[in-house]
Structure formats: structure tokens, C-alpha cells
Amino acid sequence: MSRRKQRSAFDQVSEFDRGMIVGYRDIYCGLSFRKIGSRVGHDQRTVMRISDRWIQEGTTDRRGRSHPPQCTTSREDSQIVRMAVMDRSVTSRTVA
């Protein structure tokens, strides 16, 4: 029986595991992604992505992707609201 922890499909990599991945890659002078993945319990593609990000950006932090970037400024938002309040028959196409 394997002692490997059962993971869900979307389990996020902990900061500790990210550090272990970078450490294995740096300390063991090029340990393969597959071997690192088996040691930390993650897929080799995950290990490769974290390692590449460490090399390119010098960080292992997760990027915040809670919502898409805003398309309008707060001033434009206020103008849109003001137009809608003043003339309730205005359509979205005329506002745009």
C-alpha cells in the first residue's frame, strides 16, 4: 500500500512544498522533475511550472486570480450610474 497522501483534483501546492521543490532542484543539482514530484507528492508538470517560475521571476508565490481586471475607471463607473439614474430608458448600447 502506498504511503502517498491522496490528493483531490484541485489541491493547491503549499508554501512548504513549493520551498521543497525549489530546494530539491537547487541543492541536488538538477534532480529530475519526476523524482522531485515523487518526493513531494505532486505531478512532474506542477514541479516544472514552479521551478520555471522560480528561475524566471525569483518567486514561488501564487498569483491572485480572484477576478478579471477592471475595464472601466471609478470615474467612468460613476458616469454610467449617473446616466442610468437620469434616464431610465437608456440602453447599454447607448451608454457604451
PDB file of N, CA and C in Angstrom:
ATOM      1  N   MET A   1       0.845  -1.187   0.000  1.00  0.00           N
ATOM      2  CA  MET A   1       0.000   0.000   0.000  1.00  0.00           C
ATOM      3  C   MET A   1       0.888   1.248   0.000  1.00  0.00           C
ATOM      4  N   SER A   2       0.559   2.192  -0.792  1.00  0.00           N
ATOM      5  CA  SER A   2       1.336   3.420  -0.904  1.00  0.00           C
ATOM      6  C   SER A   2       1.094   4.332   0.298  1.00  0.00           C
ATOM      7  N   ARG A   3       2.158   4.972   0.749  1.00  0.00           N
ATOM      8  CA  ARG A   3       2.034   5.913   1.860  1.00  0.00           C
ATOM      9  C   ARG A   3       1.770   7.323   1.359  1.00  0.00           C
ATOM     10  N   ARG A   4       1.597   7.459   0.080  1.00  0.00           N
ATOM     11  CA  ARG A   4       1.368   8.758  -0.531  1.00  0.00           C
ATOM     12  C   ARG A   4       0.009   9.313  -0.141  1.00  0.00           C
ATOM     13  N   LYS A   5      -0.042  10.591   0.172  1.00  0.00           N
ATOM     14  CA  LYS A   5      -1.294  11.241   0.555  1.00  0.00           C
ATOM     15  C   LYS A   5      -2.230  11.320  -0.646  1.00  0.00           C
ATOM     16  N   GLN A   6      -3.480  10.965  -0.446  1.00  0.00           N
ATOM     17  CA  GLN A   6      -4.484  11.047  -1.506  1.00  0.00           C
ATOM     18  C   GLN A   6      -4.848  12.516  -1.718  1.00  0.00           C
ATOM     19  N   ARG A   7      -4.722  13.010  -2.928  1.00  0.00           N
ATOM     20  CA  ARG A   7      -4.982  14.418  -3.224  1.00  0.00           C
ATOM     21  C   ARG A   7      -6.224  14.562  -4.094  1.00  0.00           C
ATOM     22  N   SER A   8      -6.922  15.671  -3.883  1.00  0.00           N
ATOM     23  CA  SER A   8      -8.060  15.961  -4.745  1.00  0.00           C
ATOM     24  C   SER A   8      -7.544  16.509  -6.071  1.00  0.00           C
ATOM     25  N   ALA A   9      -8.422  16.637  -7.038  1.00  0.00           N
ATOM     26  CA  ALA A   9      -8.015  17.070  -8.375  1.00  0.00           C
ATOM     27  C   ALA A   9      -7.476  18.497  -8.381  1.00  0.00           C
ATOM     28  N   PHE A  10      -7.947  19.347  -7.470  1.00  0.00           N
ATOM     29  CA  PHE A  10      -7.550  20.745  -7.493  1.00  0.00           C
ATOM     30  C   PHE A  10      -6.837  21.157  -6.215  1.00  0.00           C
ATOM     31  N   ASP A  11      -6.080  20.261  -5.618  1.00  0.00           N
ATOM     32  CA  ASP A  11      -5.362  20.547  -4.387  1.00  0.00           C
ATOM     33  C   ASP A  11      -4.223  21.524  -4.678  1.00  0.00           C
ATOM     34  N   GLN A  12      -4.152  22.617  -3.930  1.00  0.00           N
ATOM     35  CA  GLN A  12      -3.113  23.606  -4.166  1.00  0.00           C
ATOM     36  C   GLN A  12      -1.821  23.200  -3.477  1.00  0.00           C
ATOM     37  N   VAL A  13      -0.719  23.611  -4.045  1.00  0.00           N
ATOM     38  CA  VAL A  13       0.594  23.289  -3.504  1.00  0.00           C
ATOM     39  C   VAL A  13       0.883  24.244  -2.355  1.00  0.00           C
ATOM     40  N   SER A  14       1.238  23.697  -1.200  1.00  0.00           N
ATOM     41  CA  SER A  14       1.512  24.533  -0.032  1.00  0.00           C
ATOM     42  C   SER A  14       2.835  25.273  -0.210  1.00  0.00           C
ATOM     43  N   GLU A  15       3.022  26.322   0.572  1.00  0.00           N
ATOM     44  CA  GLU A  15       4.273  27.083   0.520  1.00  0.00           C
ATOM     45  C   GLU A  15       5.454  26.188   0.890  1.00  0.00           C
ATOM     46  N   PHE A  16       5.242  25.288   1.848  1.00  0.00           N
ATOM     47  CA  PHE A  16       6.303  24.369   2.256  1.00  0.00           C
ATOM     48  C   PHE A  16       6.718  23.482   1.084  1.00  0.00           C
ATOM     49  N   ASP A  17       5.725  22.914   0.376  1.00  0.00           N
ATOM     50  CA  ASP A  17       6.031  22.062  -0.775  1.00  0.00           C
ATOM     51  C   ASP A  17       6.727  22.849  -1.882  1.00  0.00           C
ATOM     52  N   ARG A  18       6.325  24.095  -2.077  1.00  0.00           N
ATOM     53  CA  ARG A  18       6.994  24.936  -3.080  1.00  0.00           C
ATOM     54  C   ARG A  18       8.465  25.129  -2.724  1.00  0.00           C
ATOM     55  N   GLY A  19       8.716  25.365  -1.448  1.00  0.00           N
ATOM     56  CA  GLY A  19      10.099  25.503  -0.992  1.00  0.00           C
ATOM     57  C   GLY A  19      10.885  24.218  -1.158  1.00  0.00           C
ATOM     58  N   MET A  20      10.241  23.090  -0.891  1.00  0.00           N
ATOM     59  CA  MET A  20      10.901  21.794  -1.070  1.00  0.00           C
ATOM     60  C   MET A  20      11.257  21.567  -2.536  1.00  0.00           C
ATOM     61  N   ILE A  21      10.361  21.938  -3.436  1.00  0.00           N
ATOM     62  CA  ILE A  21      10.610  21.765  -4.868  1.00  0.00           C
ATOM     63  C   ILE A  21      11.824  22.580  -5.293  1.00  0.00           C
ATOM     64  N   VAL A  22      11.862  23.849  -4.885  1.00  0.00           N
ATOM     65  CA  VAL A  22      12.997  24.712  -5.238  1.00  0.00           C
ATOM     66  C   VAL A  22      14.274  24.174  -4.603  1.00  0.00           C
ATOM     67  N   GLY A  23      14.177  23.730  -3.355  1.00  0.00           N
ATOM     68  CA  GLY A  23      15.345  23.189  -2.662  1.00  0.00           C
ATOM     69  C   GLY A  23      15.890  21.945  -3.331  1.00  0.00           C
ATOM     70  N   TYR A  24      15.018  21.016  -3.675  1.00  0.00           N
ATOM     71  CA  TYR A  24      15.468  19.801  -4.354  1.00  0.00           C
ATOM     72  C   TYR A  24      16.129  20.139  -5.682  1.00  0.00           C
ATOM     73  N   ARG A  25      15.580  21.107  -6.386  1.00  0.00           N
ATOM     74  CA  ARG A  25      16.139  21.465  -7.694  1.00  0.00           C
ATOM     75  C   ARG A  25      17.511  22.131  -7.540  1.00  0.00           C
ATOM     76  N   ASP A  26      17.656  23.008  -6.532  1.00  0.00           N
ATOM     77  CA  ASP A  26      18.914  23.725  -6.330  1.00  0.00           C
ATOM     78  C   ASP A  26      19.964  22.877  -5.623  1.00  0.00           C
ATOM     79  N   ILE A  27      19.588  22.229  -4.528  1.00  0.00           N
ATOM     80  CA  ILE A  27      20.551  21.508  -3.694  1.00  0.00           C
ATOM     81  C   ILE A  27      21.058  20.243  -4.375  1.00  0.00           C
ATOM     82  N   TYR A  28      20.161  19.494  -4.975  1.00  0.00           N
ATOM     83  CA  TYR A  28      20.565  18.230  -5.577  1.00  0.00           C
ATOM     84  C   TYR A  28      21.004  18.394  -7.026  1.00  0.00           C
ATOM     85  N   CYS A  29      21.330  19.602  -7.417  1.00  0.00           N
ATOM     86  CA  CYS A  29      21.937  19.907  -8.720  1.00  0.00           C
ATOM     87  C   CYS A  29      21.237  19.238  -9.898  1.00  0.00           C
ATOM     88  N   GLY A  30      20.006  19.566 -10.052  1.00  0.00           N
ATOM     89  CA  GLY A  30      19.311  19.096 -11.242  1.00  0.00           C
ATOM     90  C   GLY A  30      18.623  17.760 -11.084  1.00  0.00           C
ATOM     91  N   LEU A  31      18.130  17.459  -9.893  1.00  0.00           N
ATOM     92  CA  LEU A  31      17.308  16.262  -9.709  1.00  0.00           C
ATOM     93  C   LEU A  31      16.134  16.367 -10.677  1.00  0.00           C
ATOM     94  N   SER A  32      15.749  15.280 -11.316  1.00  0.00           N
ATOM     95  CA  SER A  32      14.716  15.339 -12.355  1.00  0.00           C
ATOM     96  C   SER A  32      13.366  15.761 -11.775  1.00  0.00           C
ATOM     97  N   PHE A  33      12.549  16.342 -12.640  1.00  0.00           N
ATOM     98  CA  PHE A  33      11.219  16.785 -12.224  1.00  0.00           C
ATOM     99  C   PHE A  33      10.386  15.602 -11.735  1.00  0.00           C
ATOM    100  N   ARG A  34      10.544  14.463 -12.379  1.00  0.00           N
ATOM    101  CA  ARG A  34       9.792  13.275 -11.987  1.00  0.00           C
ATOM    102  C   ARG A  34      10.180  12.820 -10.578  1.00  0.00           C
ATOM    103  N   LYS A  35      11.481  12.816 -10.274  1.00  0.00           N
ATOM    104  CA  LYS A  35      11.935  12.389  -8.946  1.00  0.00           C
ATOM    105  C   LYS A  35      11.512  13.385  -7.873  1.00  0.00           C
ATOM    106  N   ILE A  36      11.603  14.669  -8.190  1.00  0.00           N
ATOM    107  CA  ILE A  36      11.159  15.687  -7.228  1.00  0.00           C
ATOM    108  C   ILE A  36       9.664  15.530  -6.981  1.00  0.00           C
ATOM    109  N   GLY A  37       8.900  15.332  -8.049  1.00  0.00           N
ATOM    110  CA  GLY A  37       7.459  15.148  -7.921  1.00  0.00           C
ATOM    111  C   GLY A  37       7.102  13.957  -7.053  1.00  0.00           C
ATOM    112  N   SER A  38       7.830  12.874  -7.202  1.00  0.00           N
ATOM    113  CA  SER A  38       7.535  11.697  -6.381  1.00  0.00           C
ATOM    114  C   SER A  38       7.916  11.930  -4.923  1.00  0.00           C
ATOM    115  N   ARG A  39       8.939  12.728  -4.668  1.00  0.00           N
ATOM    116  CA  ARG A  39       9.350  13.004  -3.285  1.00  0.00           C
ATOM    117  C   ARG A  39       8.391  13.942  -2.562  1.00  0.00           C
ATOM    118  N   VAL A  40       7.859  14.939  -3.272  1.00  0.00           N
ATOM    119  CA  VAL A  40       6.952  15.895  -2.622  1.00  0.00           C
ATOM    120  C   VAL A  40       5.482  15.536  -2.825  1.00  0.00           C
ATOM    121  N   GLY A  41       5.203  14.555  -3.682  1.00  0.00           N
ATOM    122  CA  GLY A  41       3.833  14.096  -3.871  1.00  0.00           C
ATOM    123  C   GLY A  41       3.011  14.928  -4.826  1.00  0.00           C
ATOM    124  N   HIS A  42       3.666  15.518  -5.829  1.00  0.00           N
ATOM    125  CA  HIS A  42       2.956  16.307  -6.835  1.00  0.00           C
ATOM    126  C   HIS A  42       3.376  15.852  -8.220  1.00  0.00           C
ATOM    127  N   ASP A  43       2.580  16.189  -9.208  1.00  0.00           N
ATOM    128  CA  ASP A  43       2.835  15.833 -10.589  1.00  0.00           C
ATOM    129  C   ASP A  43       4.085  16.538 -11.101  1.00  0.00           C
ATOM    130  N   GLN A  44       4.789  15.901 -12.031  1.00  0.00           N
ATOM    131  CA  GLN A  44       6.020  16.496 -12.546  1.00  0.00           C
ATOM    132  C   GLN A  44       5.762  17.801 -13.294  1.00  0.00           C
ATOM    133  N   ARG A  45       4.583  17.949 -13.901  1.00  0.00           N
ATOM    134  CA  ARG A  45       4.266  19.213 -14.584  1.00  0.00           C
ATOM    135  C   ARG A  45       4.119  20.355 -13.587  1.00  0.00           C
ATOM    136  N   THR A  46       3.569  20.048 -12.411  1.00  0.00           N
ATOM    137  CA  THR A  46       3.451  21.052 -11.358  1.00  0.00           C
ATOM    138  C   THR A  46       4.833  21.463 -10.886  1.00  0.00           C
ATOM    139  N   VAL A  47       5.706  20.477 -10.695  1.00  0.00           N
ATOM    140  CA  VAL A  47       7.083  20.747 -10.273  1.00  0.00           C
ATOM    141  C   VAL A  47       7.791  21.596 -11.323  1.00  0.00           C
ATOM    142  N   MET A  48       7.599  21.276 -12.588  1.00  0.00           N
ATOM    143  CA  MET A  48       8.228  22.022 -13.676  1.00  0.00           C
ATOM    144  C   MET A  48       7.751  23.476 -13.701  1.00  0.00           C
ATOM    145  N   ARG A  49       6.449  23.672 -13.518  1.00  0.00           N
ATOM    146  CA  ARG A  49       5.889  25.031 -13.536  1.00  0.00           C
ATOM    147  C   ARG A  49       6.448  25.864 -12.387  1.00  0.00           C
ATOM    148  N   ILE A  50       6.504  25.287 -11.189  1.00  0.00           N
ATOM    149  CA  ILE A  50       7.015  26.017 -10.027  1.00  0.00           C
ATOM    150  C   ILE A  50       8.499  26.310 -10.194  1.00  0.00           C
ATOM    151  N   SER A  51       9.245  25.339 -10.692  1.00  0.00           N
ATOM    152  CA  SER A  51      10.680  25.525 -10.901  1.00  0.00           C
ATOM    153  C   SER A  51      10.958  26.599 -11.953  1.00  0.00           C
ATOM    154  N   ASP A  52      10.216  26.571 -13.053  1.00  0.00           N
ATOM    155  CA  ASP A  52      10.387  27.585 -14.104  1.00  0.00           C
ATOM    156  C   ASP A  52      10.062  28.979 -13.587  1.00  0.00           C
ATOM    157  N   ARG A  53       9.015  29.076 -12.788  1.00  0.00           N
ATOM    158  CA  ARG A  53       8.638  30.377 -12.232  1.00  0.00           C
ATOM    159  C   ARG A  53       9.723  30.891 -11.296  1.00  0.00           C
ATOM    160  N   TRP A  54      10.335  29.982 -10.529  1.00  0.00           N
ATOM    161  CA  TRP A  54      11.418  30.358  -9.621  1.00  0.00           C
ATOM    162  C   TRP A  54      12.610  30.897 -10.414  1.00  0.00           C
ATOM    163  N   ILE A  55      12.940  30.245 -11.510  1.00  0.00           N
ATOM    164  CA  ILE A  55      14.080  30.661 -12.327  1.00  0.00           C
ATOM    165  C   ILE A  55      13.798  31.998 -13.015  1.00  0.00           C
ATOM    166  N   GLN A  56      12.599  32.172 -13.571  1.00  0.00           N
ATOM    167  CA  GLN A  56      12.278  33.376 -14.335  1.00  0.00           C
ATOM    168  C   GLN A  56      11.979  34.586 -13.463  1.00  0.00           C
ATOM    169  N   GLU A  57      11.211  34.379 -12.375  1.00  0.00           N
ATOM    170  CA  GLU A  57      10.734  35.514 -11.590  1.00  0.00           C
ATOM    171  C   GLU A  57      11.333  35.595 -10.195  1.00  0.00           C
ATOM    172  N   GLY A  58      11.991  34.527  -9.748  1.00  0.00           N
ATOM    173  CA  GLY A  58      12.591  34.539  -8.418  1.00  0.00           C
ATOM    174  C   GLY A  58      11.585  34.433  -7.291  1.00  0.00           C
ATOM    175  N   THR A  59      10.393  33.934  -7.575  1.00  0.00           N
ATOM    176  CA  THR A  59       9.365  33.794  -6.556  1.00  0.00           C
ATOM    177  C   THR A  59       8.571  32.519  -6.800  1.00  0.00           C
ATOM    178  N   THR A  60       7.983  32.002  -5.724  1.00  0.00           N
ATOM    179  CA  THR A  60       7.109  30.838  -5.860  1.00  0.00           C
ATOM    180  C   THR A  60       5.691  31.183  -5.453  1.00  0.00           C
ATOM    181  N   ASP A  61       5.416  32.465  -5.216  1.00  0.00           N
ATOM    182  CA  ASP A  61       4.084  32.889  -4.773  1.00  0.00           C
ATOM    183  C   ASP A  61       3.041  32.591  -5.835  1.00  0.00           C
ATOM    184  N   ARG A  62       1.848  32.299  -5.361  1.00  0.00           N
ATOM    185  CA  ARG A  62       0.730  32.107  -6.278  1.00  0.00           C
ATOM    186  C   ARG A  62       0.238  33.470  -6.736  1.00  0.00           C
ATOM    187  N   ARG A  63      -0.189  33.520  -7.969  1.00  0.00           N
ATOM    188  CA  ARG A  63      -0.756  34.762  -8.492  1.00  0.00           C
ATOM    189  C   ARG A  63      -2.215  34.845  -8.081  1.00  0.00           C
ATOM    190  N   GLY A  64      -2.635  36.040  -7.673  1.00  0.00           N
ATOM    191  CA  GLY A  64      -4.034  36.225  -7.317  1.00  0.00           C
ATOM    192  C   GLY A  64      -4.887  36.317  -8.561  1.00  0.00           C
ATOM    193  N   ARG A  65      -5.850  35.450  -8.701  1.00  0.00           N
ATOM    194  CA  ARG A  65      -6.728  35.463  -9.873  1.00  0.00           C
ATOM    195  C   ARG A  65      -8.183  35.405  -9.437  1.00  0.00           C
ATOM    196  N   SER A  66      -8.527  36.204  -8.462  1.00  0.00           N
ATOM    197  CA  SER A  66      -9.883  36.118  -7.943  1.00  0.00           C
ATOM    198  C   SER A  66     -10.910  36.749  -8.877  1.00  0.00           C
ATOM    199  N   HIS A  67     -10.508  37.710  -9.685  1.00  0.00           N
ATOM    200  CA  HIS A  67     -11.437  38.330 -10.627  1.00  0.00           C
ATOM    201  C   HIS A  67     -10.650  38.942 -11.779  1.00  0.00           C
ATOM    202  N   PRO A  68     -11.290  39.131 -12.931  1.00  0.00           N
ATOM    203  CA  PRO A  68     -10.594  39.705 -14.081  1.00  0.00           C
ATOM    204  C   PRO A  68     -10.284  41.186 -13.851  1.00  0.00           C
ATOM    205  N   PRO A  69      -9.336  41.740 -14.587  1.00  0.00           N
ATOM    206  CA  PRO A  69      -9.008  43.154 -14.418  1.00  0.00           C
ATOM    207  C   PRO A  69     -10.187  44.051 -14.792  1.00  0.00           C
ATOM    208  N   GLN A  70     -10.277  45.187 -14.131  1.00  0.00           N
ATOM    209  CA  GLN A  70     -11.390  46.099 -14.354  1.00  0.00           C
ATOM    210  C   GLN A  70     -11.188  46.854 -15.665  1.00  0.00           C
ATOM    211  N   CYS A  71     -12.271  46.987 -16.431  1.00  0.00           N
ATOM    212  CA  CYS A  71     -12.212  47.631 -17.744  1.00  0.00           C
ATOM    213  C   CYS A  71     -12.476  49.126 -17.677  1.00  0.00           C
ATOM    214  N   THR A  72     -13.179  49.575 -16.653  1.00  0.00           N
ATOM    215  CA  THR A  72     -13.507  50.992 -16.532  1.00  0.00           C
ATOM    216  C   THR A  72     -12.929  51.548 -15.236  1.00  0.00           C
ATOM    217  N   THR A  73     -12.701  52.857 -15.246  1.00  0.00           N
ATOM    218  CA  THR A  73     -12.210  53.517 -14.038  1.00  0.00           C
ATOM    219  C   THR A  73     -13.389  53.829 -13.124  1.00  0.00           C
ATOM    220  N   SER A  74     -13.095  54.204 -11.899  1.00  0.00           N
ATOM    221  CA  SER A  74     -14.177  54.544 -10.967  1.00  0.00           C
ATOM    222  C   SER A  74     -14.941  55.776 -11.456  1.00  0.00           C
ATOM    223  N   ARG A  75     -14.248  56.689 -12.126  1.00  0.00           N
ATOM    224  CA  ARG A  75     -14.922  57.874 -12.672  1.00  0.00           C
ATOM    225  C   ARG A  75     -15.906  57.482 -13.770  1.00  0.00           C
ATOM    226  N   GLU A  76     -15.479  56.580 -14.658  1.00  0.00           N
ATOM    227  CA  GLU A  76     -16.374  56.105 -15.711  1.00  0.00           C
ATOM    228  C   GLU A  76     -17.566  55.350 -15.123  1.00  0.00           C
ATOM    229  N   ASP A  77     -17.324  54.581 -14.070  1.00  0.00           N
ATOM    230  CA  ASP A  77     -18.421  53.879 -13.397  1.00  0.00           C
ATOM    231  C   ASP A  77     -19.457  54.869 -12.873  1.00  0.00           C
ATOM    232  N   SER A  78     -18.975  55.953 -12.275  1.00  0.00           N
ATOM    233  CA  SER A  78     -19.888  56.976 -11.750  1.00  0.00           C
ATOM    234  C   SER A  78     -20.700  57.616 -12.865  1.00  0.00           C
ATOM    235  N   GLN A  79     -20.063  57.877 -14.007  1.00  0.00           N
ATOM    236  CA  GLN A  79     -20.768  58.470 -15.139  1.00  0.00           C
ATOM    237  C   GLN A  79     -21.845  57.529 -15.672  1.00  0.00           C
ATOM    238  N   ILE A  80     -21.548  56.250 -15.730  1.00  0.00           N
ATOM    239  CA  ILE A  80     -22.523  55.264 -16.206  1.00  0.00           C
ATOM    240  C   ILE A  80     -23.724  55.213 -15.275  1.00  0.00           C
ATOM    241  N   VAL A  81     -23.463  55.204 -13.979  1.00  0.00           N
ATOM    242  CA  VAL A  81     -24.549  55.174 -12.996  1.00  0.00           C
ATOM    243  C   VAL A  81     -25.391  56.435 -13.100  1.00  0.00           C
ATOM    244  N   ARG A  82     -24.723  57.588 -13.238  1.00  0.00           N
ATOM    245  CA  ARG A  82     -25.442  58.856 -13.340  1.00  0.00           C
ATOM    246  C   ARG A  82     -26.335  58.870 -14.582  1.00  0.00           C
ATOM    247  N   MET A  83     -25.836  58.375 -15.715  1.00  0.00           N
ATOM    248  CA  MET A  83     -26.640  58.325 -16.938  1.00  0.00           C
ATOM    249  C   MET A  83     -27.850  57.415 -16.763  1.00  0.00           C
ATOM    250  N   ALA A  84     -27.657  56.290 -16.105  1.00  0.00           N
ATOM    251  CA  ALA A  84     -28.758  55.341 -15.910  1.00  0.00           C
ATOM    252  C   ALA A  84     -29.810  55.892 -14.965  1.00  0.00           C
ATOM    253  N   VAL A  85     -29.398  56.640 -13.946  1.00  0.00           N
ATOM    254  CA  VAL A  85     -30.347  57.202 -12.986  1.00  0.00           C
ATOM    255  C   VAL A  85     -31.133  58.344 -13.615  1.00  0.00           C
ATOM    256  N   MET A  86     -30.467  59.177 -14.411  1.00  0.00           N
ATOM    257  CA  MET A  86     -31.133  60.326 -15.013  1.00  0.00           C
ATOM    258  C   MET A  86     -32.133  59.911 -16.091  1.00  0.00           C
ATOM    259  N   ASP A  87     -31.783  58.916 -16.878  1.00  0.00           N
ATOM    260  CA  ASP A  87     -32.668  58.472 -17.958  1.00  0.00           C
ATOM    261  C   ASP A  87     -32.805  56.954 -17.877  1.00  0.00           C
ATOM    262  N   ARG A  88     -33.886  56.490 -17.285  1.00  0.00           N
ATOM    263  CA  ARG A  88     -34.094  55.056 -17.055  1.00  0.00           C
ATOM    264  C   ARG A  88     -34.317  54.273 -18.353  1.00  0.00           C
ATOM    265  N   SER A  89     -34.614  54.963 -19.439  1.00  0.00           N
ATOM    266  CA  SER A  89     -34.857  54.262 -20.701  1.00  0.00           C
ATOM    267  C   SER A  89     -33.570  54.039 -21.499  1.00  0.00           C
ATOM    268  N   VAL A  90     -32.452  54.522 -21.003  1.00  0.00           N
ATOM    269  CA  VAL A  90     -31.186  54.390 -21.713  1.00  0.00           C
ATOM    270  C   VAL A  90     -30.767  52.916 -21.753  1.00  0.00           C
ATOM    271  N   THR A  91     -30.260  52.492 -22.916  1.00  0.00           N
ATOM    272  CA  THR A  91     -29.823  51.104 -23.072  1.00  0.00           C
ATOM    273  C   THR A  91     -28.315  51.011 -22.885  1.00  0.00           C
ATOM    274  N   SER A  92     -27.854  49.812 -22.733  1.00  0.00           N
ATOM    275  CA  SER A  92     -26.413  49.618 -22.541  1.00  0.00           C
ATOM    276  C   SER A  92     -25.630  50.025 -23.787  1.00  0.00           C
ATOM    277  N   ARG A  93     -26.230  49.883 -24.947  1.00  0.00           N
ATOM    278  CA  ARG A  93     -25.540  50.262 -26.183  1.00  0.00           C
ATOM    279  C   ARG A  93     -25.373  51.775 -26.300  1.00  0.00           C
ATOM    280  N   THR A  94     -26.342  52.536 -25.821  1.00  0.00           N
ATOM    281  CA  THR A  94     -26.199  53.990 -25.881  1.00  0.00           C
ATOM    282  C   THR A  94     -25.209  54.479 -24.826  1.00  0.00           C
ATOM    283  N   VAL A  95     -25.110  53.766 -23.724  1.00  0.00           N
ATOM    284  CA  VAL A  95     -24.130  54.137 -22.695  1.00  0.00           C
ATOM    285  C   VAL A  95     -22.721  53.890 -23.215  1.00  0.00           C
ATOM    286  N   ALA A  96     -22.543  52.791 -23.928  1.00  0.00           N
ATOM    287  CA  ALA A  96     -21.218  52.440 -24.454  1.00  0.00           C
ATOM    288  C   ALA A  96     -20.875  53.391 -25.563  1.00  0.00           C
TER     289      ALA A  96
END
